[in-house]
Amino acid sequence: MTVVNDQGTKKTNWLWIGLGAAGLFCLCAVAVAVFMFYRVGKQVADSTKIDPAAASKAAHEIVDSYELPAGYQEQMAMNILFYTFVMIAPEQAGSGDGRPFIMLAQFETGSGVSQEQMEQQLRQSLEQQAGNRGMDMHLVEVKKMTIRGNESDVAIYEGADQSGNAIRELITSFPGKNGTAMLMIMGDAQEWDQTVIDDFIKSIR
């Protein structure tokens, strides 16, 4: 396993991850004239934050508080047009690290983006980050959990990547501070600790 220790390389990688994720969001969510895409692209570059402190601040604009799993940290955030997007990951994740990535997003009230569109783009963005495009995921469980005082459906999917490795993902939505928030978690099934993930979800306030 190769561990990425160089902070400059790590931050550059997160920048490209964020730009790719933002592009996927914009393709689905921004139904505007062509000239707007130029403006959106510039705003993506201007609004991308790869400083953990800034990413943490952005996450707390979506929810008031939460307790991260041990060894995790807010890594990257974007605030553009009508959505806020935060990526949370292991602090020293290497190229072979299968521990789950956490993606937290919020679409402002009145943005016109449906929950289905949000879910689709979250999945595509996280699959791109994990390098597992086109995975065939199937629903294995839906359970009720209380998030920020609201009972929410938490869906868990399983599937495999192109190499045949088992992948698991979790998707749920709940009321954020300024609109509908969505949480998506994805990682290798063998690295998946449901108790740790449940504890994180329960800690969201």
Protein backbone atom coordinates (compact mmCIF):
# COMPACT_ATOMS: atom_id res chain seq x y z
CA MET A 1 0.00 0.00 0.00
CA THR A 2 1.31 3.44 -0.90
CA VAL A 3 0.51 6.16 1.62
CA VAL A 4 0.37 9.73 0.37
CA ASN A 5 2.37 11.86 2.79
CA ASP A 6 3.26 14.83 0.61
CA GLN A 7 0.77 17.53 1.49
CA GLY A 8 1.12 19.34 -1.83
CA THR A 9 0.36 16.19 -3.82
CA LYS A 10 -2.50 15.31 -1.52
CA LYS A 11 -4.11 18.73 -1.85
CA THR A 12 -3.71 18.66 -5.62
CA ASN A 13 -5.44 15.28 -5.74
CA TRP A 14 -8.35 16.58 -3.68
CA LEU A 15 -8.64 19.62 -5.95
CA TRP A 16 -9.06 17.40 -9.02
CA ILE A 17 -11.50 15.18 -7.12
CA GLY A 18 -13.56 18.23 -6.19
CA LEU A 19 -13.56 19.70 -9.68
CA GLY A 20 -14.72 16.39 -11.13
CA ALA A 21 -17.47 16.03 -8.55
CA ALA A 22 -18.62 19.60 -9.11
CA GLY A 23 -18.79 19.02 -12.84
CA LEU A 24 -21.06 16.03 -12.33
CA PHE A 25 -23.34 18.03 -10.05
CA CYS A 26 -23.53 20.91 -12.49
CA LEU A 27 -24.39 18.72 -15.48
CA CYS A 28 -27.53 17.53 -13.71
CA ALA A 29 -28.47 20.45 -11.53
CA VAL A 30 -27.76 23.53 -13.62
CA ALA A 31 -30.34 23.84 -16.39
CA VAL A 32 -29.34 27.24 -17.71
CA ALA A 33 -28.01 28.81 -20.87
CA VAL A 34 -24.62 27.88 -22.30
CA PHE A 35 -22.89 31.06 -21.19
CA MET A 36 -23.70 30.16 -17.58
CA PHE A 37 -21.41 27.14 -17.75
CA TYR A 38 -18.40 29.40 -18.21
CA ARG A 39 -19.39 31.32 -15.14
CA VAL A 40 -20.04 28.11 -13.22
CA GLY A 41 -16.61 26.77 -14.15
CA LYS A 42 -14.94 29.92 -12.85
CA GLN A 43 -16.96 29.79 -9.66
CA VAL A 44 -15.96 26.14 -9.12
CA ALA A 45 -12.29 27.10 -9.20
CA ASP A 46 -12.85 30.13 -6.98
CA SER A 47 -14.99 28.30 -4.41
CA THR A 48 -13.02 25.07 -4.01
CA LYS A 49 -11.46 24.83 -0.55
CA ILE A 50 -8.91 22.13 0.24
CA ASP A 51 -8.01 23.44 3.67
CA PRO A 52 -9.42 21.15 6.41
CA ALA A 53 -10.46 24.10 8.57
CA ALA A 54 -12.37 25.71 5.69
CA ALA A 55 -13.92 22.35 4.78
CA SER A 56 -15.02 21.85 8.38
CA LYS A 57 -16.61 25.30 8.40
CA ALA A 58 -18.51 24.47 5.20
CA ALA A 59 -19.75 21.21 6.70
CA HIS A 60 -21.06 23.06 9.73
CA GLU A 61 -23.04 25.30 7.44
CA ILE A 62 -24.97 22.16 6.48
CA VAL A 63 -25.39 20.75 10.00
CA ASP A 64 -24.64 22.08 13.46
CA SER A 65 -22.39 19.29 14.69
CA TYR A 66 -21.23 15.69 14.31
CA GLU A 67 -18.53 13.35 15.62
CA LEU A 68 -16.18 12.06 12.94
CA PRO A 69 -14.93 8.45 12.98
CA ALA A 70 -11.42 8.09 14.40
CA GLY A 71 -8.77 9.09 11.88
CA TYR A 72 -11.17 11.01 9.61
CA GLN A 73 -11.02 14.66 8.64
CA GLU A 74 -12.86 17.13 6.44
CA GLN A 75 -10.71 17.30 3.32
CA MET A 76 -12.37 19.44 0.67
CA ALA A 77 -15.42 21.65 0.22
CA MET A 78 -17.21 23.63 -2.45
CA ASN A 79 -19.96 26.22 -2.24
CA ILE A 80 -21.33 27.13 -5.66
CA LEU A 81 -24.66 28.37 -6.97
CA PHE A 82 -27.24 26.60 -4.82
CA TYR A 83 -25.31 23.72 -3.28
CA THR A 84 -22.63 23.06 -0.70
CA PHE A 85 -20.50 19.96 -0.99
CA VAL A 86 -18.02 18.50 1.54
CA MET A 87 -15.75 15.47 1.25
CA ILE A 88 -14.67 13.69 4.45
CA ALA A 89 -12.03 10.95 4.31
CA PRO A 90 -9.28 9.23 6.31
CA GLU A 91 -6.54 11.75 7.07
CA GLN A 92 -3.73 9.64 5.56
CA ALA A 93 -5.64 7.69 2.90
CA GLY A 94 -3.36 6.03 0.34
CA SER A 95 -4.07 4.72 -3.14
CA GLY A 96 -4.97 1.27 -1.79
CA ASP A 97 -7.03 2.47 1.14
CA GLY A 98 -10.52 0.99 0.98
CA ARG A 99 -11.92 2.75 4.03
CA PRO A 100 -15.19 4.54 3.27
CA PHE A 101 -15.32 8.09 1.98
CA ILE A 102 -18.06 10.36 3.29
CA MET A 103 -19.80 12.93 1.10
CA LEU A 104 -22.10 15.52 2.60
CA ALA A 105 -24.10 17.88 0.37
CA GLN A 106 -26.89 20.41 0.71
CA PHE A 107 -29.11 21.94 -1.95
CA GLU A 108 -30.73 25.18 -0.93
CA THR A 109 -34.49 25.36 -0.66
CA GLY A 110 -36.03 26.37 -3.98
CA SER A 111 -33.11 25.15 -6.11
CA GLY A 112 -35.44 22.96 -8.19
CA VAL A 113 -33.22 19.89 -7.81
CA SER A 114 -35.04 16.68 -6.87
CA GLN A 115 -33.86 14.18 -4.29
CA GLU A 116 -33.46 11.60 -7.08
CA GLN A 117 -31.15 13.92 -9.01
CA MET A 118 -29.14 14.63 -5.89
CA GLU A 119 -28.79 10.93 -5.12
CA GLN A 120 -27.70 10.11 -8.67
CA GLN A 121 -25.05 12.81 -8.76
CA LEU A 122 -23.77 11.95 -5.29
CA ARG A 123 -23.30 8.34 -6.38
CA GLN A 124 -21.55 9.32 -9.60
CA SER A 125 -19.28 11.75 -7.77
CA LEU A 126 -18.27 9.26 -5.10
CA GLU A 127 -17.78 6.49 -7.65
CA GLN A 128 -15.46 8.79 -9.56
CA GLN A 129 -13.51 9.54 -6.39
CA ALA A 130 -13.17 5.83 -5.62
CA GLY A 131 -12.21 5.02 -9.21
CA ASN A 132 -15.17 2.66 -9.57
CA ARG A 133 -17.28 3.97 -12.43
CA GLY A 134 -20.30 2.08 -13.72
CA MET A 135 -20.76 -0.14 -10.70
CA ASP A 136 -23.92 -2.22 -10.58
CA MET A 137 -25.23 -1.59 -7.07
CA HIS A 138 -28.29 -3.32 -5.64
CA LEU A 139 -30.34 -2.42 -2.60
CA VAL A 140 -29.85 -4.76 0.36
CA GLU A 141 -31.42 -2.87 3.26
CA VAL A 142 -33.48 0.18 4.16
CA LYS A 143 -33.67 1.19 7.78
CA LYS A 144 -35.07 4.11 9.74
CA MET A 145 -32.71 6.43 11.58
CA THR A 146 -33.29 9.76 13.28
CA ILE A 147 -31.11 12.52 11.85
CA ARG A 148 -31.44 16.08 13.15
CA GLY A 149 -34.73 15.11 14.76
CA ASN A 150 -36.18 13.77 11.52
CA GLU A 151 -36.86 10.08 10.83
CA SER A 152 -35.07 9.27 7.60
CA ASP A 153 -34.79 6.24 5.32
CA VAL A 154 -31.19 5.03 5.22
CA ALA A 155 -30.55 2.83 2.18
CA ILE A 156 -27.59 0.45 1.95
CA TYR A 157 -26.42 -0.90 -1.39
CA GLU A 158 -23.88 -3.56 -2.32
CA GLY A 159 -22.10 -4.31 -5.56
CA ALA A 160 -18.65 -4.80 -7.04
CA ASP A 161 -16.07 -2.67 -8.80
CA GLN A 162 -14.45 -3.49 -12.13
CA SER A 163 -11.92 -5.73 -10.37
CA GLY A 164 -14.62 -7.73 -8.61
CA ASN A 165 -13.99 -6.20 -5.19
CA ALA A 166 -17.12 -5.96 -3.02
CA ILE A 167 -18.31 -2.37 -2.52
CA ARG A 168 -20.89 -1.01 -0.12
CA GLU A 169 -22.59 2.37 -0.08
CA LEU A 170 -25.10 4.20 2.09
CA ILE A 171 -27.41 7.00 1.01
CA THR A 172 -29.86 9.07 3.02
CA SER A 173 -31.40 12.54 3.02
CA PHE A 174 -32.48 14.75 5.89
CA PRO A 175 -33.25 18.41 6.65
CA GLY A 176 -30.08 20.51 6.59
CA LYS A 177 -29.74 23.97 8.08
CA ASN A 178 -30.62 25.71 4.80
CA GLY A 179 -32.25 23.06 2.63
CA THR A 180 -32.30 19.35 1.88
CA ALA A 181 -29.09 17.61 2.88
CA MET A 182 -27.83 14.29 1.62
CA LEU A 183 -25.24 11.94 3.03
CA MET A 184 -23.47 9.28 1.01
CA ILE A 185 -20.81 6.89 2.26
CA MET A 186 -18.92 4.44 0.02
CA GLY A 187 -16.06 2.01 0.57
CA ASP A 188 -14.80 -1.57 0.36
CA ALA A 189 -17.18 -4.01 2.03
CA GLN A 190 -14.33 -5.61 4.00
CA GLU A 191 -13.40 -2.22 5.47
CA TRP A 192 -17.01 -1.35 6.31
CA ASP A 193 -17.80 -1.00 10.02
CA GLN A 194 -21.55 -0.46 10.30
CA THR A 195 -21.37 0.37 14.01
CA VAL A 196 -18.89 3.19 13.39
CA ILE A 197 -20.98 4.51 10.50
CA ASP A 198 -24.21 4.34 12.51
CA ASP A 199 -22.55 6.21 15.38
CA PHE A 200 -21.46 8.95 12.97
CA ILE A 201 -24.97 9.28 11.52
CA LYS A 202 -26.54 9.39 14.99
CA SER A 203 -24.13 12.16 16.01
CA ILE A 204 -25.33 14.51 13.26
CA ARG A 205 -27.22 17.40 14.81
